[in-house]
Amino acid sequence: MSVIEVKSVTKDYGGGKGVFDISFSLEKGEVFGFLGPNGAGKTTTIRMILGVMNKDEGDILWNGQPLDRNRVRVGYMPEERGIYPKNKVLEQLVYFGELRGMSRRAATESAERWLTRLQLTEYRDMLAEKLSKGNQQKVQLIATVIHDPELIFLDEPFSGLDPINVDVFKSVLAELIAAGKYIVMSSHQMATVEEYCKDLVLLTQGKTVLQ
């Protein structure tokens, strides 16, 4: 059984801003919650775990070794969505799959399967900017999971979604949980975290106030 451990991780921007002495562990496939208001340090913590941002102190481990995205399949759905508006949907999903080490054939098959699952097949050859915001978020979700990641980070995944697409996202999340994926979900909405997370960290101004 895999385990991710975050031990006393700190990012100090000076002037009391940053993330300070964050610790938690996720020892089996389930959802761990980051809860807190905007600016609390949730996204900074995720970026340090991903290695996108350097930490100043602490350890981030996967099975007792420093977490390395070259050895662990990681999916990340950022709060600021990152699809290319001027590219066709299927075209860019295959590109994202190839970036994550998939062959073109495997990436295409996975993309087609997810497009069908999320009822986006009719948009496969459409420019992303032509899609509704909800459908663009579905495309972003596919880009996050196309390579079957072991560890998944979802930053405000339900933000801006209409009720129908919220239900779609919830059903996919339930499938990922059932498949034993390790999921870290960031949100400022208690109801979202409460519905899925057995464990959570509540952050305020970069500090843990509840765990």
Protein backbone atom coordinates (compact mmCIF):
# COMPACT_ATOMS: atom_id res chain seq x y z
CA MET A 1 0.00 0.00 0.00
CA SER A 2 1.39 3.39 -1.02
CA VAL A 3 1.52 6.38 1.28
CA ILE A 4 2.13 10.09 0.79
CA GLU A 5 3.61 12.01 3.71
CA VAL A 6 3.99 15.77 4.06
CA LYS A 7 6.21 16.56 7.04
CA SER A 8 6.61 20.08 8.46
CA VAL A 9 6.63 21.72 5.03
CA THR A 10 7.20 25.47 4.98
CA LYS A 11 7.31 28.15 2.29
CA ASP A 12 8.11 31.55 3.75
CA TYR A 13 7.55 34.58 1.53
CA GLY A 14 8.39 36.94 4.39
CA GLY A 15 6.13 39.30 6.26
CA GLY A 16 4.10 36.44 7.69
CA LYS A 17 3.01 35.25 4.24
CA GLY A 18 3.45 31.68 3.04
CA VAL A 19 2.78 28.19 4.37
CA PHE A 20 4.17 27.15 7.73
CA ASP A 21 4.84 23.69 9.20
CA ILE A 22 2.16 21.79 7.26
CA SER A 23 2.00 18.05 8.00
CA PHE A 24 -0.38 15.31 6.92
CA SER A 25 -0.37 11.80 5.47
CA LEU A 26 -2.60 9.81 3.17
CA GLU A 27 -2.13 6.09 3.68
CA LYS A 28 -4.73 4.57 1.38
CA GLY A 29 -6.74 5.43 -1.68
CA GLU A 30 -9.27 8.02 -0.53
CA VAL A 31 -9.84 11.78 -0.53
CA PHE A 32 -7.90 14.16 1.70
CA GLY A 33 -9.23 17.70 2.05
CA PHE A 34 -7.54 21.07 2.11
CA LEU A 35 -10.06 23.54 3.49
CA GLY A 36 -9.63 27.25 3.94
CA PRO A 37 -10.43 30.67 2.53
CA ASN A 38 -8.81 32.04 -0.62
CA GLY A 39 -5.18 32.90 0.11
CA ALA A 40 -4.88 30.41 2.99
CA GLY A 41 -2.04 28.50 1.33
CA LYS A 42 -3.88 25.54 -0.20
CA THR A 43 -2.61 25.99 -3.75
CA THR A 44 0.92 26.81 -2.56
CA THR A 45 0.99 23.53 -0.61
CA ILE A 46 -0.19 21.56 -3.64
CA ARG A 47 2.43 23.18 -5.86
CA MET A 48 5.17 22.30 -3.39
CA ILE A 49 4.02 18.67 -3.32
CA LEU A 50 4.06 18.64 -7.12
CA GLY A 51 7.54 20.14 -7.22
CA VAL A 52 6.30 23.13 -9.21
CA MET A 53 7.37 25.37 -6.33
CA ASN A 54 10.38 24.81 -4.06
CA LYS A 55 9.78 24.36 -0.33
CA ASP A 56 11.99 26.06 2.22
CA GLU A 57 11.77 23.32 4.85
CA GLY A 58 10.27 19.89 5.42
CA ASP A 59 9.86 16.63 3.53
CA ILE A 60 7.39 15.38 0.93
CA LEU A 61 7.55 11.59 0.61
CA TRP A 62 5.93 8.82 -1.42
CA ASN A 63 6.54 5.37 0.08
CA GLY A 64 9.31 6.81 2.21
CA GLN A 65 11.22 8.40 -0.68
CA PRO A 66 11.15 12.01 -1.94
CA LEU A 67 8.15 12.34 -4.23
CA ASP A 68 9.36 12.36 -7.84
CA ARG A 69 6.85 12.91 -10.65
CA ASN A 70 9.08 10.80 -12.89
CA ARG A 71 8.32 7.78 -10.70
CA VAL A 72 4.74 8.51 -9.62
CA ARG A 73 1.88 9.18 -12.05
CA VAL A 74 0.38 12.46 -10.87
CA GLY A 75 -2.68 14.32 -12.14
CA TYR A 76 -3.30 18.00 -11.31
CA MET A 77 -6.43 20.02 -12.03
CA PRO A 78 -5.52 23.63 -11.17
CA GLU A 79 -8.05 26.22 -10.07
CA GLU A 80 -7.01 28.38 -13.03
CA ARG A 81 -8.01 25.99 -15.81
CA GLY A 82 -5.26 25.22 -18.30
CA ILE A 83 -6.67 24.03 -21.61
CA TYR A 84 -5.77 25.70 -24.90
CA PRO A 85 -8.75 27.69 -26.25
CA LYS A 86 -7.53 27.72 -29.86
CA ASN A 87 -6.89 23.97 -30.10
CA LYS A 88 -9.35 21.20 -30.85
CA VAL A 89 -10.50 19.17 -27.88
CA LEU A 90 -9.28 15.70 -28.89
CA GLU A 91 -6.07 17.09 -30.38
CA GLN A 92 -4.99 18.72 -27.13
CA LEU A 93 -6.07 15.81 -24.94
CA VAL A 94 -3.83 13.50 -26.95
CA TYR A 95 -1.04 16.06 -26.59
CA PHE A 96 -1.50 16.13 -22.79
CA GLY A 97 -1.42 12.33 -22.73
CA GLU A 98 1.83 12.25 -24.72
CA LEU A 99 3.36 14.82 -22.36
CA ARG A 100 2.69 12.34 -19.56
CA GLY A 101 4.53 9.53 -21.35
CA MET A 102 1.67 7.85 -23.22
CA SER A 103 1.96 6.68 -26.81
CA ARG A 104 -0.23 8.56 -29.29
CA ARG A 105 -2.42 5.49 -29.70
CA ALA A 106 -2.88 4.97 -25.95
CA ALA A 107 -3.56 8.67 -25.41
CA THR A 108 -6.14 8.72 -28.21
CA GLU A 109 -7.92 5.63 -26.88
CA SER A 110 -8.01 7.03 -23.35
CA ALA A 111 -9.21 10.44 -24.56
CA GLU A 112 -11.98 8.88 -26.66
CA ARG A 113 -13.07 6.73 -23.73
CA TRP A 114 -13.26 9.71 -21.39
CA LEU A 115 -15.02 11.90 -23.97
CA THR A 116 -17.69 9.23 -24.21
CA ARG A 117 -17.89 8.90 -20.42
CA LEU A 118 -18.40 12.65 -20.00
CA GLN A 119 -20.74 13.00 -22.99
CA LEU A 120 -18.35 15.20 -24.97
CA THR A 121 -17.90 13.07 -28.08
CA GLU A 122 -19.74 15.56 -30.29
CA TYR A 123 -17.20 18.25 -29.32
CA ARG A 124 -14.06 16.18 -30.00
CA ASP A 125 -13.07 18.21 -33.11
CA MET A 126 -14.29 21.59 -31.83
CA LEU A 127 -12.05 24.42 -30.61
CA ALA A 128 -12.08 24.45 -26.81
CA GLU A 129 -13.09 28.11 -26.72
CA LYS A 130 -16.40 27.19 -28.37
CA LEU A 131 -17.42 24.99 -25.43
CA SER A 132 -19.41 26.12 -22.42
CA LYS A 133 -17.48 26.71 -19.21
CA GLY A 134 -18.85 23.47 -17.76
CA ASN A 135 -17.72 21.45 -20.78
CA GLN A 136 -14.32 23.12 -20.71
CA GLN A 137 -13.97 21.95 -17.12
CA LYS A 138 -14.88 18.43 -18.23
CA VAL A 139 -12.06 18.62 -20.78
CA GLN A 140 -9.72 19.80 -18.02
CA LEU A 141 -10.77 16.84 -15.90
CA ILE A 142 -9.98 14.44 -18.75
CA ALA A 143 -6.56 16.08 -19.15
CA THR A 144 -5.99 15.44 -15.43
CA VAL A 145 -6.83 11.71 -15.47
CA ILE A 146 -6.06 10.68 -19.06
CA HIS A 147 -2.85 8.86 -18.03
CA ASP A 148 -4.47 6.94 -15.15
CA PRO A 149 -2.60 8.76 -12.35
CA GLU A 150 -2.04 7.22 -8.92
CA LEU A 151 -2.09 10.57 -7.12
CA ILE A 152 -4.61 13.26 -8.11
CA PHE A 153 -4.85 16.90 -7.00
CA LEU A 154 -8.14 18.72 -7.57
CA ASP A 155 -8.04 22.45 -6.81
CA GLU A 156 -11.59 23.83 -6.42
CA PRO A 157 -12.98 21.18 -8.82
CA PHE A 158 -16.63 22.26 -8.54
CA SER A 159 -16.03 26.00 -8.88
CA GLY A 160 -18.40 27.61 -11.37
CA LEU A 161 -20.17 24.40 -12.38
CA ASP A 162 -23.92 24.19 -12.90
CA PRO A 163 -25.81 21.50 -10.91
CA ILE A 164 -25.84 19.00 -13.81
CA ASN A 165 -22.09 19.16 -14.31
CA VAL A 166 -21.53 19.04 -10.54
CA ASP A 167 -23.34 15.69 -10.57
CA VAL A 168 -21.16 14.49 -13.47
CA PHE A 169 -17.99 15.45 -11.61
CA LYS A 170 -19.24 13.77 -8.45
CA SER A 171 -19.91 10.52 -10.30
CA VAL A 172 -16.40 10.52 -11.79
CA LEU A 173 -14.92 11.31 -8.38
CA ALA A 174 -16.81 8.35 -6.91
CA GLU A 175 -15.31 6.11 -9.62
CA LEU A 176 -11.78 7.36 -8.89
CA ILE A 177 -12.27 6.71 -5.17
CA ALA A 178 -13.57 3.21 -5.89
CA ALA A 179 -10.49 2.60 -8.05
CA GLY A 180 -8.26 3.34 -5.05
CA LYS A 181 -6.80 6.62 -6.28
CA TYR A 182 -5.08 8.95 -3.83
CA ILE A 183 -6.93 12.25 -4.13
CA VAL A 184 -6.14 15.60 -2.52
CA MET A 185 -9.00 18.05 -2.91
CA SER A 186 -8.69 21.76 -2.19
CA SER A 187 -11.78 23.85 -1.54
CA HIS A 188 -13.05 26.84 0.41
CA GLN A 189 -16.49 25.19 0.67
CA MET A 190 -17.05 23.05 3.75
CA ALA A 191 -19.91 21.10 2.15
CA THR A 192 -17.67 19.89 -0.68
CA VAL A 193 -14.93 18.64 1.62
CA GLU A 194 -17.39 17.22 4.12
CA GLU A 195 -19.06 15.08 1.46
CA TYR A 196 -15.89 13.27 0.36
CA CYS A 197 -13.04 13.62 2.83
CA LYS A 198 -12.38 11.41 5.84
CA ASP A 199 -9.42 13.56 6.85
CA LEU A 200 -8.66 17.23 6.29
CA VAL A 201 -6.44 20.13 7.14
CA LEU A 202 -8.02 23.53 7.75
CA LEU A 203 -5.66 26.34 6.79
CA THR A 204 -5.81 30.01 7.68
CA GLN A 205 -3.05 32.43 6.69
CA GLY A 206 -0.75 29.52 5.86
CA LYS A 207 -1.09 27.79 9.21
CA THR A 208 -2.95 24.64 10.28
CA VAL A 209 -5.80 25.53 12.64
CA LEU A 210 -7.51 22.13 12.53
CA GLN A 211 -6.52 18.64 11.45
